[in-house]
């Protein structure tokens, strides 16, 4: 028989198998029943090594992402236009490391970040290929552009010209005054005529001693080569006399077509035992390597001054060259024109007129003096007109 009741309870089972009702209070009846419990975690999942491994994998993944991002932006910065707005030069000293170069470029405002330049050059395998020198960096050049310039080794080149006919002292002055050269001048001055008349190309920092050594070596080789190709009947005993006569020819004329003919006059005079009577030798005897002031003319008293170089008074050649002869003058003396000329004088146009006899020469000299007087009169008239114009103002 079933008994109904208002009490709330749970069902149970008696010892004889009959179902019984277990009474519950109202609060117990309202509590939710427990759900299905989660499965128990394995011991492996709770192992500390597994936890650490998970952390490492996650960290590596984040680092890889950060590296990719950094590489992307670093590459963009490395190849992007630089901060410079004008072209400039940069001097990389020998034995400079990539870090030093990067810091210098950043200080100069040529790159935005020294670290990116350093890392970029290393990543591209160029850190050991940057060369010392002075380079031009164009406006807006990227870090990669600058790296390529420094790799190329194409430094800015400077030039120094030693014209034909300069003395050693005058050439030394040019070398000493060139601002791109470094170091002191040689302690001793080479002999006259021993420097090459040439243009030297060099990078900033080249020493003055190096330039002098190069000029000496070039002239020695040039003289030797031309001396070995000389005409065999020259009245010259050795290379020294060869250079002396070439230096006189160099100072007598700057007209290329005349050099071999001027050389022939001096060779013919030496063969006949005549004095050379060369005005440039007189000048050297008086003023030496400094040279004659441009405004000072040669006077009759100069022609009579006793010096070892006055070829109006001495026989044969002077004791040393009077300048550094160039290739053309050396070639002219080595193979002079085949003429019987013994004299020459200026013709008023920058060149000379030649003569075989003294009578012809005297006529040429007379014509030259007329030209000189005319030029002097014109110069005086121009000066007078200029003075009058100034007074009128």
Protein backbone atom coordinates (compact mmCIF):
# COMPACT_ATOMS: atom_id res chain seq x y z
CA UNK A 1 0.00 0.00 0.00
CA UNK A 2 1.35 3.47 -0.99
CA UNK A 3 1.25 6.24 1.53
CA UNK A 4 1.11 9.85 0.25
CA UNK A 5 2.83 12.61 2.17
CA UNK A 6 3.54 16.24 1.69
CA UNK A 7 7.09 15.93 2.90
CA UNK A 8 9.79 16.18 0.32
CA UNK A 9 12.38 13.45 0.40
CA UNK A 10 14.52 11.11 -1.58
CA UNK A 11 13.99 7.54 -2.33
CA UNK A 12 15.97 4.73 -0.74
CA UNK A 13 15.75 0.99 -0.66
CA UNK A 14 15.21 -1.11 2.47
CA UNK A 15 16.96 -4.31 3.29
CA UNK A 16 14.10 -6.33 1.84
CA UNK A 17 14.33 -4.40 -1.42
CA UNK A 18 11.32 -2.18 -0.86
CA UNK A 19 11.66 1.47 -1.89
CA UNK A 20 11.58 3.92 0.97
CA UNK A 21 11.32 7.69 1.12
CA UNK A 22 14.11 9.63 2.89
CA UNK A 23 12.73 12.94 4.06
CA UNK A 24 14.61 16.23 3.04
CA UNK A 25 14.33 19.66 4.39
CA UNK A 26 13.15 22.46 2.13
CA UNK A 27 16.65 23.99 1.83
CA UNK A 28 18.18 20.67 0.85
CA UNK A 29 15.56 20.16 -1.75
CA UNK A 30 16.33 23.50 -3.37
CA UNK A 31 20.09 22.85 -3.72
CA UNK A 32 21.20 21.85 -7.22
CA UNK A 33 22.49 18.37 -7.56
CA UNK A 34 26.21 17.89 -8.31
CA UNK A 35 27.08 17.46 -11.96
CA UNK A 36 29.36 14.96 -13.57
CA UNK A 37 32.94 15.49 -12.25
CA UNK A 38 35.71 16.29 -14.83
CA UNK A 39 38.15 13.58 -15.73
CA UNK A 40 41.21 13.44 -13.57
CA UNK A 41 44.44 15.10 -15.06
CA UNK A 42 47.18 12.74 -15.95
CA UNK A 43 50.42 12.91 -14.05
CA UNK A 44 52.24 13.78 -17.28
CA UNK A 45 50.22 16.96 -17.80
CA UNK A 46 51.09 18.09 -14.31
CA UNK A 47 54.86 17.47 -14.85
CA UNK A 48 57.00 20.66 -14.44
CA UNK A 49 59.16 19.84 -17.48
CA UNK A 50 56.10 19.85 -19.71
CA UNK A 51 55.03 23.20 -18.29
CA UNK A 52 58.51 24.65 -18.93
CA UNK A 53 58.59 23.22 -22.43
CA UNK A 54 55.29 24.85 -23.23
CA UNK A 55 56.68 28.16 -21.98
CA UNK A 56 59.83 27.83 -24.09
CA UNK A 57 57.88 27.05 -27.25
CA UNK A 58 55.60 30.01 -26.66
CA UNK A 59 58.57 32.31 -25.98
CA UNK A 60 60.39 31.15 -29.11
CA UNK A 61 57.32 31.76 -31.16
CA UNK A 62 57.00 35.30 -29.83
CA UNK A 63 60.71 35.93 -30.38
CA UNK A 64 60.46 34.68 -33.95
CA UNK A 65 57.58 37.03 -34.61
CA UNK A 66 59.50 39.93 -33.08
CA UNK A 67 62.59 39.06 -35.14
CA UNK A 68 60.61 39.00 -38.37
CA UNK A 69 59.05 42.36 -37.54
CA UNK A 70 62.44 43.84 -36.57
CA UNK A 71 64.06 42.45 -39.73
CA UNK A 72 61.32 43.92 -41.89
CA UNK A 73 61.50 47.40 -40.39
CA UNK A 74 65.30 47.26 -40.15
CA UNK A 75 65.59 46.40 -43.84
CA UNK A 76 63.20 49.21 -44.73
CA UNK A 77 65.24 51.68 -42.67
CA UNK A 78 68.53 50.39 -44.12
CA UNK A 79 67.31 50.94 -47.68
CA UNK A 80 65.21 54.08 -47.09
CA UNK A 81 66.51 57.55 -48.06
CA UNK A 82 68.86 58.96 -45.44
CA UNK A 83 68.51 62.17 -43.40
CA UNK A 84 71.14 64.23 -45.25
CA UNK A 85 69.75 67.05 -47.39
CA UNK A 86 73.00 68.07 -49.10
CA UNK A 87 75.94 66.19 -50.56
CA UNK A 88 78.91 65.94 -48.23
CA UNK A 89 82.21 64.14 -47.82
CA UNK A 90 83.27 61.67 -45.17
CA UNK A 91 86.81 60.58 -44.35
CA UNK A 92 87.24 56.98 -43.22
CA UNK A 93 90.58 56.50 -41.53
CA UNK A 94 92.63 53.32 -41.99
CA UNK A 95 91.83 50.44 -39.62
CA UNK A 96 88.40 51.87 -38.72
CA UNK A 97 85.92 49.21 -37.55
CA UNK A 98 82.32 49.04 -38.71
CA UNK A 99 81.09 50.30 -35.35
CA UNK A 100 83.41 53.32 -35.53
CA UNK A 101 82.29 54.04 -39.08
CA UNK A 102 78.62 53.73 -38.13
CA UNK A 103 79.05 56.09 -35.16
CA UNK A 104 80.85 58.62 -37.36
CA UNK A 105 78.11 58.50 -40.00
CA UNK A 106 75.43 59.01 -37.35
CA UNK A 107 77.29 61.95 -35.78
CA UNK A 108 77.59 63.57 -39.20
CA UNK A 109 73.85 63.20 -39.76
CA UNK A 110 74.32 60.90 -42.76
CA UNK A 111 72.43 57.94 -41.25
CA UNK A 112 69.63 57.80 -38.70
CA UNK A 113 70.76 54.81 -36.61
CA UNK A 114 74.30 53.48 -36.21
CA UNK A 115 73.05 50.13 -34.95
CA UNK A 116 71.00 49.47 -38.06
CA UNK A 117 73.96 50.38 -40.30
CA UNK A 118 76.24 48.09 -38.33
CA UNK A 119 73.78 45.19 -38.34
CA UNK A 120 72.91 45.73 -42.01
CA UNK A 121 76.53 45.64 -43.18
CA UNK A 122 77.19 42.53 -41.10
CA UNK A 123 74.06 40.81 -42.41
CA UNK A 124 75.19 41.49 -45.99
CA UNK A 125 78.74 40.31 -45.28
CA UNK A 126 80.23 43.74 -45.97
CA UNK A 127 81.60 44.53 -42.51
CA UNK A 128 85.13 43.52 -43.50
CA UNK A 129 85.00 45.14 -46.94
CA UNK A 130 84.64 48.84 -46.09
CA UNK A 131 87.75 50.69 -47.25
CA UNK A 132 89.54 53.72 -45.86
CA UNK A 133 89.42 56.91 -47.90
CA UNK A 134 87.47 60.09 -48.47
CA UNK A 135 84.08 59.59 -50.09
CA UNK A 136 81.28 61.74 -51.43
CA UNK A 137 77.89 60.95 -49.93
CA UNK A 138 75.00 62.22 -52.02
CA UNK A 139 72.01 63.98 -50.49
CA UNK A 140 69.46 61.49 -49.19
CA UNK A 141 71.76 58.50 -49.65
CA UNK A 142 70.45 55.40 -47.90
CA UNK A 143 72.54 53.29 -45.53
CA UNK A 144 72.86 50.71 -48.28
CA UNK A 145 74.04 53.37 -50.75
CA UNK A 146 76.69 54.54 -48.29
CA UNK A 147 77.78 50.95 -47.65
CA UNK A 148 78.23 50.36 -51.38
CA UNK A 149 80.28 53.57 -51.75
CA UNK A 150 82.58 52.56 -48.89
CA UNK A 151 82.92 49.06 -50.35
CA UNK A 152 83.89 50.40 -53.77
CA UNK A 153 87.00 52.16 -52.48
CA UNK A 154 86.41 54.94 -55.04
CA UNK A 155 87.76 57.76 -52.92
CA UNK A 156 87.68 61.40 -53.95
CA UNK A 157 90.84 62.14 -55.92
CA UNK A 158 92.78 65.39 -55.68
CA UNK A 159 95.30 66.63 -58.19
CA UNK A 160 98.60 68.46 -57.99
CA UNK A 161 100.17 69.82 -61.17
CA UNK A 162 103.88 70.53 -61.47
CA UNK A 163 104.18 72.47 -64.75
CA UNK A 164 107.19 72.11 -67.02
CA UNK A 165 109.89 74.63 -66.21
CA UNK A 166 109.29 75.01 -62.48
CA UNK A 167 112.35 74.77 -60.28
CA UNK A 168 112.51 72.19 -57.48
CA UNK A 169 112.02 74.98 -54.95
CA UNK A 170 108.89 76.22 -56.73
CA UNK A 171 107.54 72.67 -57.01
CA UNK A 172 108.19 72.08 -53.30
CA UNK A 173 106.18 75.19 -52.47
CA UNK A 174 103.16 73.83 -54.35
CA UNK A 175 103.45 70.48 -52.60
CA UNK A 176 103.76 72.12 -49.18
CA UNK A 177 100.69 74.29 -49.74
CA UNK A 178 98.29 71.55 -50.93
CA UNK A 179 95.72 71.13 -48.16
CA UNK A 180 94.79 67.52 -48.99
CA UNK A 181 98.34 66.28 -48.42
CA UNK A 182 99.63 65.35 -44.98
CA UNK A 183 102.98 65.17 -43.24
CA UNK A 184 106.08 67.30 -43.43
CA UNK A 185 108.15 68.09 -46.46
CA UNK A 186 111.33 66.04 -46.95
CA UNK A 187 114.23 67.25 -44.85
CA UNK A 188 116.52 67.52 -47.88
CA UNK A 189 115.78 69.16 -51.23
CA UNK A 190 116.51 67.03 -54.34
CA UNK A 191 118.86 68.25 -57.04
CA UNK A 192 117.50 70.64 -59.64
CA UNK A 193 115.75 69.03 -62.59
CA UNK A 194 114.98 65.76 -60.78
CA UNK A 195 111.19 66.17 -60.38
CA UNK A 196 108.71 65.10 -63.03
CA UNK A 197 106.62 67.82 -64.63
CA UNK A 198 103.29 66.09 -64.37
CA UNK A 199 99.88 65.98 -62.67
CA UNK A 200 99.64 63.66 -59.68
CA UNK A 201 96.28 62.21 -58.59
CA UNK A 202 95.92 61.14 -54.97
CA UNK A 203 93.50 60.69 -52.08
CA UNK A 204 93.33 62.86 -48.99
CA UNK A 205 95.93 61.89 -46.44
CA UNK A 206 98.63 61.00 -48.94
CA UNK A 207 101.91 62.26 -47.51
CA UNK A 208 104.05 64.94 -49.06
CA UNK A 209 106.99 62.57 -48.91
CA UNK A 210 105.04 60.07 -51.05
CA UNK A 211 104.34 62.73 -53.69
CA UNK A 212 107.99 63.78 -53.81
CA UNK A 213 109.14 60.16 -54.05
CA UNK A 214 106.72 59.57 -56.93
CA UNK A 215 107.89 62.67 -58.81
CA UNK A 216 111.52 61.63 -58.37
CA UNK A 217 110.86 58.09 -59.56
CA UNK A 218 108.79 59.24 -62.56
CA UNK A 219 111.43 61.72 -63.70
CA UNK A 220 114.24 59.21 -63.31
CA UNK A 221 112.40 56.67 -65.46
CA UNK A 222 111.42 59.27 -68.06
CA UNK A 223 114.97 60.59 -68.41
CA UNK A 224 116.41 57.08 -68.65
CA UNK A 225 113.92 56.00 -71.33
CA UNK A 226 114.51 59.06 -73.53
CA UNK A 227 118.29 59.07 -72.99
CA UNK A 228 118.41 55.50 -74.28
CA UNK A 229 116.70 56.64 -77.51
CA UNK A 230 118.93 59.67 -78.12
CA UNK A 231 120.85 60.45 -81.28
CA UNK A 232 124.35 59.04 -80.89
CA UNK A 233 126.22 62.12 -82.10
CA UNK A 234 125.08 64.49 -79.35
CA UNK A 235 127.85 66.55 -77.69
CA UNK A 236 126.67 65.40 -74.25
CA UNK A 237 128.82 63.25 -72.00
CA UNK A 238 126.15 61.77 -69.75
CA UNK A 239 122.58 61.91 -68.50
CA UNK A 240 123.31 64.87 -66.23
CA UNK A 241 124.39 67.04 -69.16
CA UNK A 242 121.35 65.81 -71.08
CA UNK A 243 118.99 67.06 -68.34
CA UNK A 244 120.90 70.37 -68.04
CA UNK A 245 120.48 71.16 -71.74
CA UNK A 246 116.84 70.03 -71.69
CA UNK A 247 116.13 72.41 -68.82
CA UNK A 248 117.57 75.31 -70.83
CA UNK A 249 115.42 74.42 -73.84
CA UNK A 250 112.41 74.19 -71.50
CA UNK A 251 112.94 77.74 -70.26
CA UNK A 252 113.73 79.22 -73.68
CA UNK A 253 110.43 78.39 -75.38
CA UNK A 254 106.94 77.27 -74.58
CA UNK A 255 106.03 76.67 -78.23
CA UNK A 256 105.92 72.93 -78.84
CA UNK A 257 106.90 73.10 -82.53
CA UNK A 258 110.01 75.11 -81.71
CA UNK A 259 111.60 72.95 -79.07
CA UNK A 260 113.54 70.63 -81.36
CA UNK A 261 114.81 73.61 -83.38
CA UNK A 262 115.88 75.52 -80.24
CA UNK A 263 117.63 72.34 -79.09
CA UNK A 264 119.40 72.17 -82.47
CA UNK A 265 120.78 75.72 -82.01
CA UNK A 266 122.35 74.80 -78.66
CA UNK A 267 123.67 71.46 -79.96
CA UNK A 268 125.22 73.25 -82.96
CA UNK A 269 126.82 75.83 -80.68
CA UNK A 270 128.27 73.14 -78.41
CA UNK A 271 129.69 71.33 -81.45
CA UNK A 272 131.36 74.55 -82.62
CA UNK A 273 132.63 75.52 -79.17
CA UNK A 274 130.40 78.62 -79.05
CA UNK A 275 128.91 79.91 -75.83
CA UNK A 276 125.23 79.17 -75.36
CA UNK A 277 124.28 82.76 -74.43
CA UNK A 278 120.96 81.77 -72.88
CA UNK A 279 119.10 84.42 -70.86
CA UNK A 280 117.32 81.87 -68.58
CA UNK A 281 120.71 80.67 -67.31
CA UNK A 282 121.58 84.22 -66.28
CA UNK A 283 118.30 84.51 -64.37
CA UNK A 284 118.93 81.25 -62.51
CA UNK A 285 122.44 82.36 -61.61
CA UNK A 286 121.07 85.56 -60.05
CA UNK A 287 117.80 84.41 -58.44
CA UNK A 288 118.29 80.69 -58.03
CA UNK A 289 115.31 78.40 -57.52
CA UNK A 290 113.00 81.20 -56.42
CA UNK A 291 112.83 82.59 -59.95
CA UNK A 292 112.94 86.15 -61.25
CA UNK A 293 110.11 88.50 -60.28
CA UNK A 294 107.84 88.86 -63.31
CA UNK A 295 108.05 92.66 -63.38
CA UNK A 296 111.87 92.79 -63.33
CA UNK A 297 113.55 92.81 -66.77
CA UNK A 298 117.01 91.50 -67.58
CA UNK A 299 119.48 94.39 -67.71
CA UNK A 300 122.87 94.79 -69.37
CA UNK A 301 124.46 94.60 -65.94
CA UNK A 302 122.81 91.19 -65.42
CA UNK A 303 124.49 89.92 -68.59
CA UNK A 304 127.86 90.80 -67.10
CA UNK A 305 127.37 89.28 -63.65
CA UNK A 306 129.87 86.58 -62.86
CA UNK A 307 127.96 83.42 -61.85
CA UNK A 308 128.56 79.75 -62.68
CA UNK A 309 125.33 79.91 -64.72
CA UNK A 310 126.10 82.94 -66.92
CA UNK A 311 126.41 81.25 -70.31
CA UNK A 312 127.39 84.60 -71.85
CA UNK A 313 130.62 84.31 -69.85
CA UNK A 314 131.23 80.57 -69.33
CA UNK A 315 131.99 77.92 -71.92
CA UNK A 316 129.71 74.93 -72.32
CA UNK A 317 126.91 74.00 -69.97
CA UNK A 318 126.15 75.41 -66.50
CA UNK A 319 126.87 73.12 -63.52
CA UNK A 320 123.24 72.01 -62.93
CA UNK A 321 119.85 72.17 -64.59
CA UNK A 322 117.97 75.44 -64.19
CA UNK A 323 114.48 73.87 -63.96
CA UNK A 324 112.58 70.60 -64.22
CA UNK A 325 112.33 69.76 -67.94
CA UNK A 326 109.23 68.05 -69.28
CA UNK A 327 108.95 65.21 -71.74
CA UNK A 328 108.79 67.46 -74.82
CA UNK A 329 112.01 69.29 -73.95
CA UNK A 330 113.81 66.02 -73.19
CA UNK A 331 112.63 64.52 -76.48
CA UNK A 332 113.76 67.66 -78.35
CA UNK A 333 117.29 67.46 -76.95
CA UNK A 334 117.53 63.71 -77.49
CA UNK A 335 116.64 64.10 -81.17
CA UNK A 336 117.04 67.73 -82.24
CA UNK A 337 116.17 69.09 -85.65
CA UNK A 338 118.82 68.71 -88.35
CA UNK A 339 119.53 72.39 -89.06
CA UNK A 340 122.52 74.73 -89.31
CA UNK A 341 120.87 77.38 -87.11
CA UNK A 342 123.13 79.09 -84.58
CA UNK A 343 120.88 81.96 -83.40
CA UNK A 344 117.31 82.74 -82.48
CA UNK A 345 115.44 85.74 -81.12
CA UNK A 346 111.83 86.50 -80.20
CA UNK A 347 109.54 87.39 -83.08
CA UNK A 348 106.92 89.33 -81.11
CA UNK A 349 104.20 86.69 -81.35
CA UNK A 350 105.41 84.37 -78.59
CA UNK A 351 107.70 82.39 -80.88
CA UNK A 352 111.18 82.86 -82.29
CA UNK A 353 112.88 83.53 -85.59
CA UNK A 354 116.04 81.53 -86.37
CA UNK A 355 119.23 82.39 -88.25
CA UNK A 356 122.29 80.55 -89.54
CA UNK A 357 124.62 83.57 -89.64
CA UNK A 358 125.33 86.48 -87.36
CA UNK A 359 124.27 89.00 -90.03
CA UNK A 360 120.85 87.35 -90.35
CA UNK A 361 120.57 87.29 -86.59
CA UNK A 362 121.40 90.98 -86.25
CA UNK A 363 118.66 91.82 -88.75
CA UNK A 364 116.20 89.73 -86.72
CA UNK A 365 117.30 91.46 -83.54
CA UNK A 366 116.77 94.89 -85.13
CA UNK A 367 113.24 93.94 -86.13
CA UNK A 368 112.57 92.67 -82.63
CA UNK A 369 113.73 95.95 -81.10
CA UNK A 370 111.33 97.87 -83.33
CA UNK A 371 108.53 95.62 -82.11
CA UNK A 372 109.62 96.17 -78.51
CA UNK A 373 109.61 99.97 -78.92
CA UNK A 374 106.16 99.89 -80.50
CA UNK A 375 104.79 97.76 -77.66
CA UNK A 376 106.35 100.05 -75.07
CA UNK A 377 104.83 103.12 -76.74
CA UNK A 378 101.39 101.50 -76.88
CA UNK A 379 101.63 100.49 -73.23
CA UNK A 380 102.64 104.03 -72.23
CA UNK A 381 99.77 105.54 -74.23
CA UNK A 382 97.28 103.16 -72.65
CA UNK A 383 98.60 103.98 -69.17
CA UNK A 384 98.41 107.72 -69.90
CA UNK A 385 94.84 107.41 -71.19
CA UNK A 386 93.86 105.42 -68.14
CA UNK A 387 95.36 108.03 -65.81
CA UNK A 388 93.53 110.84 -67.65
CA UNK A 389 90.24 108.98 -67.45
CA UNK A 390 90.68 108.48 -63.71
CA UNK A 391 91.48 112.19 -63.22
CA UNK A 392 88.40 113.21 -65.21
CA UNK A 393 86.16 111.21 -62.90
